[in-house]
Structures are given as C-alpha cells and as structure tokens.
Amino acid sequence: MGFFSFLGRVLFASLFILSAWQMFNEFDANGGPIAKELTPKFTAVKINLSSKLGIGLPDFDVRQFIATIIILKGAGGLLFVFGSTLGAFLLLVLLAMTTPLLYDFYNYKPSKPEYTLLLNDFLQSIALFGALLFFIGMKTSISRRQIRKKTPKAKTV
C-alpha cells in the first residue's frame, strides 16, 4: 500500500512539477507566453473589481504573479511527493489563485465554443482541488488515530 500511495503522489504531482519546469524554461523578460494570456485577464479583473468596490486598484506586475505560480507549483509538487501537507496547502493556494483567473468561462455565453473548453478546464481544476482536500483530510485523520493508539497503558504490579 505504501508504494502505491507514493506512486499516486508522484503521478499527481508530476502535473504540477512538469508544468512549473515548462513555465520556468519559457520565462523571459516579458514573462513568457503566459504573460500574453494573463495580461488582458488581469485588466478585466481589475476593471470589474474597481467598479464594484468603487476604488482604484494599483497596477499589478504579471511577471511577479507568474514567478509566484512557478514557485508554488515546483515547491508544492515536490513537497507533495514526499507526503507533506504543506505541499498540498501550497498547491491549494495555487489552484485557488489561478483557476478563476485562467478559466473564466463565466465571461462567455454558453453558445460560444470557448465556454465549453474553459468550463472543462475549470472543472478539472476543481477536481484537483478536491483531491488535495481529500489528501489533507486523510492525512490529518490518520495522524490523529495513530496518536490515540500509542498511549501506553499503566501496568499494575
């Protein structure tokens, strides 16, 4: 059972680790190809939030956001392989930050072809989020059970 658990974590984390490696290799002075995709989305979010909040939001550097994504994917994936709940929490933060921003199906009408593609990717990220929550829940319940079992019983002489 231990080997299959490790293999499952390796396969799950490989999605994040390989993606971080690819983003790191493509990262340049402009932020790479993902910066071209994220810049208009950040602008749209900034306009929506500033109109709803009634205040002007400061400019945000997309390159710093991409660097944060790379660090969270790499570090979270590596820690997750070794069974760390910190790695799972880092990946949860990553998915919470990027999923609504990258897969903005809500900005399209259901009749558009982009809607279906973005909705599928959004739901896949939600499934990954749920798998990470399941991992954290199982990890904490196992450690609680082991603590209760290890209490020594007093012997009478």
N, C-alpha and C. Protein backbone atom coordinates (compact mmCIF):
# COMPACT_ATOMS: atom_id res chain seq x y z
N MET A 1 0.81 -1.19 0.00
CA MET A 1 0.00 0.00 0.00
C MET A 1 0.86 1.26 0.00
N GLY A 2 1.99 1.23 0.70
CA GLY A 2 2.86 2.40 0.77
C GLY A 2 3.44 2.78 -0.57
N PHE A 3 3.82 1.77 -1.36
CA PHE A 3 4.40 2.05 -2.67
C PHE A 3 3.36 2.68 -3.59
N PHE A 4 2.14 2.16 -3.58
CA PHE A 4 1.11 2.70 -4.46
C PHE A 4 0.71 4.11 -4.04
N SER A 5 0.74 4.40 -2.76
CA SER A 5 0.47 5.74 -2.29
C SER A 5 1.54 6.71 -2.80
N PHE A 6 2.80 6.29 -2.71
CA PHE A 6 3.90 7.12 -3.21
C PHE A 6 3.79 7.31 -4.72
N LEU A 7 3.49 6.23 -5.45
CA LEU A 7 3.36 6.31 -6.90
C LEU A 7 2.22 7.25 -7.28
N GLY A 8 1.12 7.18 -6.56
CA GLY A 8 0.00 8.08 -6.83
C GLY A 8 0.37 9.53 -6.59
N ARG A 9 1.11 9.80 -5.52
CA ARG A 9 1.55 11.18 -5.26
C ARG A 9 2.51 11.65 -6.33
N VAL A 10 3.40 10.78 -6.79
CA VAL A 10 4.34 11.16 -7.85
C VAL A 10 3.59 11.50 -9.14
N LEU A 11 2.65 10.65 -9.50
CA LEU A 11 1.89 10.90 -10.74
C LEU A 11 1.05 12.16 -10.62
N PHE A 12 0.43 12.37 -9.47
CA PHE A 12 -0.38 13.58 -9.27
C PHE A 12 0.49 14.83 -9.31
N ALA A 13 1.61 14.80 -8.61
CA ALA A 13 2.48 15.98 -8.52
C ALA A 13 3.23 16.24 -9.82
N SER A 14 3.39 15.21 -10.66
CA SER A 14 4.11 15.41 -11.92
C SER A 14 3.39 16.42 -12.80
N LEU A 15 2.08 16.51 -12.69
CA LEU A 15 1.32 17.52 -13.41
C LEU A 15 1.82 18.92 -13.07
N PHE A 16 2.02 19.17 -11.78
CA PHE A 16 2.45 20.49 -11.33
C PHE A 16 3.94 20.71 -11.56
N ILE A 17 4.75 19.70 -11.29
CA ILE A 17 6.21 19.84 -11.40
C ILE A 17 6.62 20.06 -12.86
N LEU A 18 6.08 19.27 -13.77
CA LEU A 18 6.43 19.42 -15.18
C LEU A 18 5.91 20.74 -15.75
N SER A 19 4.75 21.16 -15.28
CA SER A 19 4.22 22.44 -15.71
C SER A 19 5.09 23.59 -15.22
N ALA A 20 5.57 23.49 -13.97
CA ALA A 20 6.46 24.53 -13.43
C ALA A 20 7.77 24.56 -14.21
N TRP A 21 8.29 23.39 -14.55
CA TRP A 21 9.53 23.33 -15.32
C TRP A 21 9.36 23.97 -16.68
N GLN A 22 8.25 23.70 -17.35
CA GLN A 22 7.99 24.29 -18.65
C GLN A 22 7.84 25.81 -18.54
N MET A 23 7.10 26.27 -17.53
CA MET A 23 6.94 27.71 -17.35
C MET A 23 8.27 28.38 -17.03
N PHE A 24 9.12 27.70 -16.25
CA PHE A 24 10.42 28.25 -15.91
C PHE A 24 11.29 28.39 -17.17
N ASN A 25 11.26 27.40 -18.03
CA ASN A 25 12.05 27.45 -19.27
C ASN A 25 11.55 28.51 -20.23
N GLU A 26 10.25 28.80 -20.22
CA GLU A 26 9.68 29.80 -21.12
C GLU A 26 9.71 31.21 -20.54
N PHE A 27 10.03 31.32 -19.25
CA PHE A 27 10.02 32.63 -18.58
C PHE A 27 11.15 33.49 -19.13
N ASP A 28 10.81 34.73 -19.53
CA ASP A 28 11.82 35.65 -20.05
C ASP A 28 11.55 37.04 -19.47
N ALA A 29 12.14 38.06 -20.06
CA ALA A 29 12.00 39.42 -19.53
C ALA A 29 10.56 39.91 -19.56
N ASN A 30 9.78 39.40 -20.51
CA ASN A 30 8.38 39.80 -20.61
C ASN A 30 7.44 38.89 -19.82
N GLY A 31 7.94 37.79 -19.31
CA GLY A 31 7.11 36.87 -18.55
C GLY A 31 6.77 35.60 -19.31
N GLY A 32 7.12 35.54 -20.57
CA GLY A 32 6.84 34.35 -21.36
C GLY A 32 5.48 34.40 -22.02
N PRO A 33 5.10 33.30 -22.67
CA PRO A 33 3.82 33.28 -23.39
C PRO A 33 2.60 33.39 -22.49
N ILE A 34 2.73 32.93 -21.26
CA ILE A 34 1.57 33.01 -20.35
C ILE A 34 1.25 34.45 -19.99
N ALA A 35 2.25 35.32 -20.04
CA ALA A 35 2.01 36.73 -19.72
C ALA A 35 1.08 37.37 -20.75
N LYS A 36 1.19 36.94 -21.99
CA LYS A 36 0.31 37.49 -23.03
C LYS A 36 -1.13 37.07 -22.79
N GLU A 37 -1.32 35.90 -22.20
CA GLU A 37 -2.68 35.43 -21.91
C GLU A 37 -3.22 36.05 -20.63
N LEU A 38 -2.35 36.26 -19.64
CA LEU A 38 -2.81 36.76 -18.35
C LEU A 38 -3.03 38.27 -18.31
N THR A 39 -2.31 39.03 -19.10
CA THR A 39 -2.41 40.50 -19.05
C THR A 39 -3.84 40.99 -19.30
N PRO A 40 -4.51 40.54 -20.38
CA PRO A 40 -5.89 41.03 -20.56
C PRO A 40 -6.84 40.53 -19.47
N LYS A 41 -6.58 39.35 -18.93
CA LYS A 41 -7.45 38.83 -17.87
C LYS A 41 -7.27 39.62 -16.58
N PHE A 42 -6.02 40.01 -16.27
CA PHE A 42 -5.78 40.85 -15.11
C PHE A 42 -6.44 42.21 -15.28
N THR A 43 -6.38 42.74 -16.48
CA THR A 43 -7.01 44.03 -16.75
C THR A 43 -8.52 43.95 -16.55
N ALA A 44 -9.13 42.88 -17.05
CA ALA A 44 -10.58 42.71 -16.89
C ALA A 44 -10.96 42.56 -15.42
N VAL A 45 -10.18 41.80 -14.66
CA VAL A 45 -10.46 41.62 -13.23
C VAL A 45 -10.29 42.95 -12.49
N LYS A 46 -9.26 43.70 -12.86
CA LYS A 46 -9.02 45.00 -12.22
C LYS A 46 -10.17 45.96 -12.48
N ILE A 47 -10.66 45.99 -13.70
CA ILE A 47 -11.78 46.88 -14.05
C ILE A 47 -13.04 46.45 -13.30
N ASN A 48 -13.31 45.15 -13.27
CA ASN A 48 -14.50 44.65 -12.57
C ASN A 48 -14.45 44.95 -11.08
N LEU A 49 -13.31 44.67 -10.46
CA LEU A 49 -13.18 44.90 -9.02
C LEU A 49 -13.24 46.39 -8.67
N SER A 50 -12.57 47.22 -9.46
CA SER A 50 -12.58 48.65 -9.15
C SER A 50 -13.96 49.25 -9.34
N SER A 51 -14.73 48.74 -10.30
CA SER A 51 -16.09 49.26 -10.49
C SER A 51 -17.01 48.80 -9.35
N LYS A 52 -16.83 47.57 -8.86
CA LYS A 52 -17.68 47.07 -7.78
C LYS A 52 -17.28 47.64 -6.43
N LEU A 53 -15.99 47.85 -6.21
CA LEU A 53 -15.51 48.36 -4.93
C LEU A 53 -15.56 49.88 -4.87
N GLY A 54 -15.54 50.53 -6.02
CA GLY A 54 -15.59 51.98 -6.05
C GLY A 54 -14.25 52.66 -5.79
N ILE A 55 -13.16 51.90 -5.80
CA ILE A 55 -11.83 52.48 -5.60
C ILE A 55 -10.92 52.01 -6.72
N GLY A 56 -9.90 52.77 -6.98
CA GLY A 56 -8.93 52.39 -7.99
C GLY A 56 -7.92 51.40 -7.43
N LEU A 57 -7.67 50.35 -8.14
CA LEU A 57 -6.70 49.34 -7.70
C LEU A 57 -5.34 49.63 -8.31
N PRO A 58 -4.26 49.36 -7.61
CA PRO A 58 -2.93 49.62 -8.17
C PRO A 58 -2.61 48.63 -9.30
N ASP A 59 -1.65 49.04 -10.12
CA ASP A 59 -1.20 48.15 -11.19
C ASP A 59 -0.48 46.95 -10.59
N PHE A 60 -0.58 45.83 -11.28
CA PHE A 60 -0.01 44.58 -10.80
C PHE A 60 0.92 44.05 -11.87
N ASP A 61 2.12 43.65 -11.46
CA ASP A 61 3.10 43.12 -12.40
C ASP A 61 2.81 41.64 -12.65
N VAL A 62 2.52 41.32 -13.89
CA VAL A 62 2.18 39.95 -14.26
C VAL A 62 3.38 39.03 -14.09
N ARG A 63 4.58 39.54 -14.30
CA ARG A 63 5.78 38.70 -14.18
C ARG A 63 5.95 38.19 -12.75
N GLN A 64 5.63 39.02 -11.76
CA GLN A 64 5.73 38.56 -10.37
C GLN A 64 4.69 37.48 -10.08
N PHE A 65 3.51 37.62 -10.64
CA PHE A 65 2.48 36.61 -10.47
C PHE A 65 2.91 35.28 -11.10
N ILE A 66 3.52 35.35 -12.28
CA ILE A 66 3.99 34.14 -12.95
C ILE A 66 5.11 33.49 -12.15
N ALA A 67 6.01 34.30 -11.61
CA ALA A 67 7.09 33.75 -10.77
C ALA A 67 6.51 33.07 -9.53
N THR A 68 5.46 33.66 -8.96
CA THR A 68 4.80 33.04 -7.80
C THR A 68 4.17 31.71 -8.19
N ILE A 69 3.56 31.66 -9.36
CA ILE A 69 2.96 30.41 -9.84
C ILE A 69 4.03 29.33 -9.98
N ILE A 70 5.17 29.69 -10.57
CA ILE A 70 6.25 28.72 -10.77
C ILE A 70 6.75 28.18 -9.43
N ILE A 71 6.94 29.07 -8.47
CA ILE A 71 7.43 28.65 -7.15
C ILE A 71 6.42 27.76 -6.44
N LEU A 72 5.13 28.14 -6.48
CA LEU A 72 4.11 27.33 -5.82
C LEU A 72 3.98 25.95 -6.47
N LYS A 73 4.01 25.91 -7.80
CA LYS A 73 3.91 24.62 -8.49
C LYS A 73 5.11 23.73 -8.17
N GLY A 74 6.30 24.28 -8.27
CA GLY A 74 7.50 23.48 -8.05
C GLY A 74 7.65 23.02 -6.61
N ALA A 75 7.59 23.96 -5.68
CA ALA A 75 7.78 23.61 -4.27
C ALA A 75 6.62 22.76 -3.76
N GLY A 76 5.40 23.13 -4.11
CA GLY A 76 4.24 22.36 -3.68
C GLY A 76 4.25 20.95 -4.22
N GLY A 77 4.61 20.81 -5.50
CA GLY A 77 4.67 19.48 -6.10
C GLY A 77 5.73 18.60 -5.47
N LEU A 78 6.91 19.16 -5.25
CA LEU A 78 7.99 18.37 -4.64
C LEU A 78 7.65 17.97 -3.20
N LEU A 79 7.11 18.89 -2.44
CA LEU A 79 6.73 18.56 -1.06
C LEU A 79 5.60 17.54 -1.02
N PHE A 80 4.67 17.65 -1.97
CA PHE A 80 3.55 16.71 -2.02
C PHE A 80 4.01 15.29 -2.32
N VAL A 81 5.04 15.14 -3.15
CA VAL A 81 5.56 13.81 -3.46
C VAL A 81 5.99 13.09 -2.19
N PHE A 82 6.57 13.82 -1.26
CA PHE A 82 7.05 13.20 -0.03
C PHE A 82 5.98 13.16 1.07
N GLY A 83 4.73 13.45 0.72
CA GLY A 83 3.63 13.30 1.65
C GLY A 83 3.42 14.45 2.59
N SER A 84 3.93 15.61 2.27
CA SER A 84 3.80 16.77 3.14
C SER A 84 2.46 17.46 2.93
N THR A 85 1.80 17.79 4.03
CA THR A 85 0.56 18.55 3.91
C THR A 85 0.84 20.00 3.53
N LEU A 86 2.05 20.49 3.83
CA LEU A 86 2.42 21.84 3.40
C LEU A 86 2.41 21.93 1.88
N GLY A 87 2.93 20.90 1.21
CA GLY A 87 2.89 20.87 -0.24
C GLY A 87 1.47 20.88 -0.77
N ALA A 88 0.58 20.15 -0.12
CA ALA A 88 -0.83 20.14 -0.54
C ALA A 88 -1.45 21.53 -0.34
N PHE A 89 -1.11 22.19 0.77
CA PHE A 89 -1.63 23.54 1.00
C PHE A 89 -1.10 24.53 -0.03
N LEU A 90 0.17 24.40 -0.42
CA LEU A 90 0.72 25.28 -1.45
C LEU A 90 0.00 25.08 -2.78
N LEU A 91 -0.28 23.83 -3.12
CA LEU A 91 -1.00 23.55 -4.35
C LEU A 91 -2.45 24.04 -4.27
N LEU A 92 -3.05 23.97 -3.09
CA LEU A 92 -4.40 24.52 -2.91
C LEU A 92 -4.41 26.02 -3.14
N VAL A 93 -3.42 26.72 -2.59
CA VAL A 93 -3.32 28.17 -2.78
C VAL A 93 -3.15 28.48 -4.26
N LEU A 94 -2.30 27.71 -4.93
CA LEU A 94 -2.08 27.90 -6.36
C LEU A 94 -3.38 27.75 -7.13
N LEU A 95 -4.11 26.67 -6.88
CA LEU A 95 -5.35 26.44 -7.61
C LEU A 95 -6.40 27.50 -7.29
N ALA A 96 -6.45 27.94 -6.04
CA ALA A 96 -7.42 28.97 -5.66
C ALA A 96 -7.11 30.30 -6.34
N MET A 97 -5.83 30.60 -6.55
CA MET A 97 -5.44 31.85 -7.20
C MET A 97 -5.65 31.81 -8.71
N THR A 98 -5.31 30.69 -9.33
CA THR A 98 -5.25 30.67 -10.78
C THR A 98 -6.51 30.16 -11.47
N THR A 99 -7.26 29.28 -10.83
CA THR A 99 -8.41 28.67 -11.52
C THR A 99 -9.44 29.69 -11.98
N PRO A 100 -9.93 30.59 -11.11
CA PRO A 100 -10.93 31.54 -11.60
C PRO A 100 -10.37 32.55 -12.60
N LEU A 101 -9.09 32.77 -12.55
CA LEU A 101 -8.47 33.75 -13.45
C LEU A 101 -8.20 33.14 -14.83
N LEU A 102 -7.64 31.95 -14.86
CA LEU A 102 -7.28 31.33 -16.14
C LEU A 102 -8.49 30.78 -16.90
N TYR A 103 -9.42 30.21 -16.18
CA TYR A 103 -10.55 29.53 -16.82
C TYR A 103 -11.82 30.33 -16.59
N ASP A 104 -11.90 31.48 -17.21
CA ASP A 104 -13.01 32.42 -17.00
C ASP A 104 -14.17 32.13 -17.95
N PHE A 105 -14.74 30.95 -17.82
CA PHE A 105 -15.87 30.56 -18.66
C PHE A 105 -17.07 31.46 -18.44
N TYR A 106 -17.15 32.10 -17.28
CA TYR A 106 -18.27 32.96 -16.93
C TYR A 106 -18.30 34.24 -17.75
N ASN A 107 -17.25 34.54 -18.49
CA ASN A 107 -17.23 35.72 -19.35
C ASN A 107 -17.74 35.43 -20.76
N TYR A 108 -18.13 34.18 -21.01
CA TYR A 108 -18.59 33.78 -22.34
C TYR A 108 -20.02 33.25 -22.26
N LYS A 109 -20.71 33.32 -23.37
CA LYS A 109 -22.05 32.76 -23.45
C LYS A 109 -21.94 31.25 -23.71
N PRO A 110 -22.88 30.47 -23.23
CA PRO A 110 -22.81 29.01 -23.43
C PRO A 110 -22.80 28.58 -24.90
N SER A 111 -23.25 29.42 -25.79
CA SER A 111 -23.24 29.04 -27.20
C SER A 111 -21.87 29.18 -27.85
N LYS A 112 -20.95 29.88 -27.20
CA LYS A 112 -19.59 30.05 -27.75
C LYS A 112 -18.76 28.79 -27.53
N PRO A 113 -17.86 28.44 -28.45
CA PRO A 113 -17.02 27.24 -28.24
C PRO A 113 -16.01 27.40 -27.10
N GLU A 114 -15.58 28.62 -26.80
CA GLU A 114 -14.64 28.84 -25.71
C GLU A 114 -15.25 28.48 -24.35
N TYR A 115 -16.56 28.66 -24.24
CA TYR A 115 -17.26 28.38 -22.99
C TYR A 115 -17.05 26.93 -22.57
N THR A 116 -17.27 26.00 -23.47
CA THR A 116 -17.15 24.58 -23.15
C THR A 116 -15.72 24.21 -22.79
N LEU A 117 -14.76 24.72 -23.56
CA LEU A 117 -13.35 24.41 -23.27
C LEU A 117 -12.93 24.94 -21.92
N LEU A 118 -13.28 26.18 -21.63
CA LEU A 118 -12.90 26.78 -20.35
C LEU A 118 -13.63 26.13 -19.18
N LEU A 119 -14.89 25.77 -19.39
CA LEU A 119 -15.64 25.11 -18.32
C LEU A 119 -15.04 23.75 -18.00
N ASN A 120 -14.63 23.00 -19.01
CA ASN A 120 -13.99 21.69 -18.76
C ASN A 120 -12.69 21.84 -17.99
N ASP A 121 -11.87 22.81 -18.37
CA ASP A 121 -10.62 23.04 -17.65
C ASP A 121 -10.87 23.53 -16.22
N PHE A 122 -11.90 24.37 -16.06
CA PHE A 122 -12.27 24.84 -14.74
C PHE A 122 -12.69 23.67 -13.84
N LEU A 123 -13.51 22.79 -14.37
CA LEU A 123 -13.97 21.64 -13.59
C LEU A 123 -12.83 20.67 -13.27
N GLN A 124 -11.87 20.56 -14.18
CA GLN A 124 -10.70 19.72 -13.91
C GLN A 124 -9.89 20.31 -12.75
N SER A 125 -9.73 21.60 -12.72
CA SER A 125 -9.01 22.23 -11.62
C SER A 125 -9.77 22.08 -10.31
N ILE A 126 -11.08 22.15 -10.37
CA ILE A 126 -11.89 21.94 -9.16
C ILE A 126 -11.72 20.51 -8.66
N ALA A 127 -11.63 19.54 -9.59
CA ALA A 127 -11.41 18.15 -9.20
C ALA A 127 -10.05 17.98 -8.54
N LEU A 128 -9.01 18.64 -9.06
CA LEU A 128 -7.69 18.60 -8.44
C LEU A 128 -7.74 19.22 -7.04
N PHE A 129 -8.47 20.31 -6.91
CA PHE A 129 -8.65 20.95 -5.61
C PHE A 129 -9.29 19.98 -4.62
N GLY A 130 -10.32 19.28 -5.08
CA GLY A 130 -10.99 18.31 -4.22
C GLY A 130 -10.08 17.15 -3.84
N ALA A 131 -9.24 16.69 -4.77
CA ALA A 131 -8.30 15.61 -4.46
C ALA A 131 -7.30 16.06 -3.40
N LEU A 132 -6.86 17.30 -3.47
CA LEU A 132 -5.94 17.82 -2.46
C LEU A 132 -6.61 17.94 -1.10
N LEU A 133 -7.87 18.37 -1.09
CA LEU A 133 -8.61 18.42 0.17
C LEU A 133 -8.78 17.02 0.76
N PHE A 134 -9.04 16.04 -0.10
CA PHE A 134 -9.17 14.66 0.36
C PHE A 134 -7.86 14.17 0.97
N PHE A 135 -6.73 14.49 0.31
CA PHE A 135 -5.42 14.09 0.82
C PHE A 135 -5.18 14.69 2.20
N ILE A 136 -5.46 15.98 2.35
CA ILE A 136 -5.25 16.64 3.64
C ILE A 136 -6.14 16.03 4.71
N GLY A 137 -7.40 15.77 4.36
CA GLY A 137 -8.31 15.15 5.32
C GLY A 137 -7.86 13.77 5.74
N MET A 138 -7.40 12.96 4.80
CA MET A 138 -6.92 11.62 5.13
C MET A 138 -5.65 11.70 5.96
N LYS A 139 -4.77 12.60 5.62
CA LYS A 139 -3.50 12.73 6.34
C LYS A 139 -3.74 13.13 7.79
N THR A 140 -4.65 14.07 8.02
CA THR A 140 -4.89 14.50 9.39
C THR A 140 -5.66 13.45 10.18
N SER A 141 -6.55 12.71 9.54
CA SER A 141 -7.29 11.68 10.29
C SER A 141 -6.40 10.51 10.65
N ILE A 142 -5.45 10.16 9.79
CA ILE A 142 -4.52 9.07 10.09
C ILE A 142 -3.62 9.45 11.25
N SER A 143 -3.11 10.68 11.25
CA SER A 143 -2.20 11.07 12.33
C SER A 143 -2.95 11.15 13.66
N ARG A 144 -4.22 11.52 13.66
CA ARG A 144 -4.99 11.56 14.90
C ARG A 144 -5.22 10.16 15.45
N ARG A 145 -5.51 9.20 14.55
CA ARG A 145 -5.74 7.82 15.00
C ARG A 145 -4.47 7.22 15.58
N GLN A 146 -3.32 7.52 14.97
CA GLN A 146 -2.06 6.95 15.45
C GLN A 146 -1.68 7.53 16.81
N ILE A 147 -2.01 8.78 17.05
CA ILE A 147 -1.69 9.40 18.34
C ILE A 147 -2.51 8.73 19.44
N ARG A 148 -3.77 8.46 19.16
CA ARG A 148 -4.63 7.83 20.16
C ARG A 148 -4.19 6.40 20.47
N LYS A 149 -3.72 5.67 19.48
CA LYS A 149 -3.34 4.27 19.68
C LYS A 149 -2.04 4.12 20.46
N LYS A 150 -1.19 5.09 20.43
CA LYS A 150 0.14 4.95 21.03
C LYS A 150 0.18 5.31 22.52
N THR A 151 -0.92 5.60 23.13
CA THR A 151 -0.90 5.93 24.55
C THR A 151 -0.66 4.64 25.35
N PRO A 152 0.41 4.61 26.15
CA PRO A 152 0.71 3.38 26.90
C PRO A 152 -0.26 3.18 28.07
N LYS A 153 -0.56 1.94 28.31
CA LYS A 153 -1.44 1.60 29.43
C LYS A 153 -0.62 1.33 30.67
N ALA A 154 -1.13 1.74 31.80
CA ALA A 154 -0.43 1.56 33.06
C ALA A 154 -0.54 0.10 33.48
N LYS A 155 0.58 -0.47 33.90
CA LYS A 155 0.60 -1.87 34.37
C LYS A 155 0.53 -1.90 35.88
N THR A 156 -0.18 -2.83 36.40
CA THR A 156 -0.25 -2.99 37.86
C THR A 156 0.66 -4.11 38.28
N VAL A 157 1.37 -3.91 39.35
CA VAL A 157 2.31 -4.92 39.82
C VAL A 157 1.86 -5.55 41.10
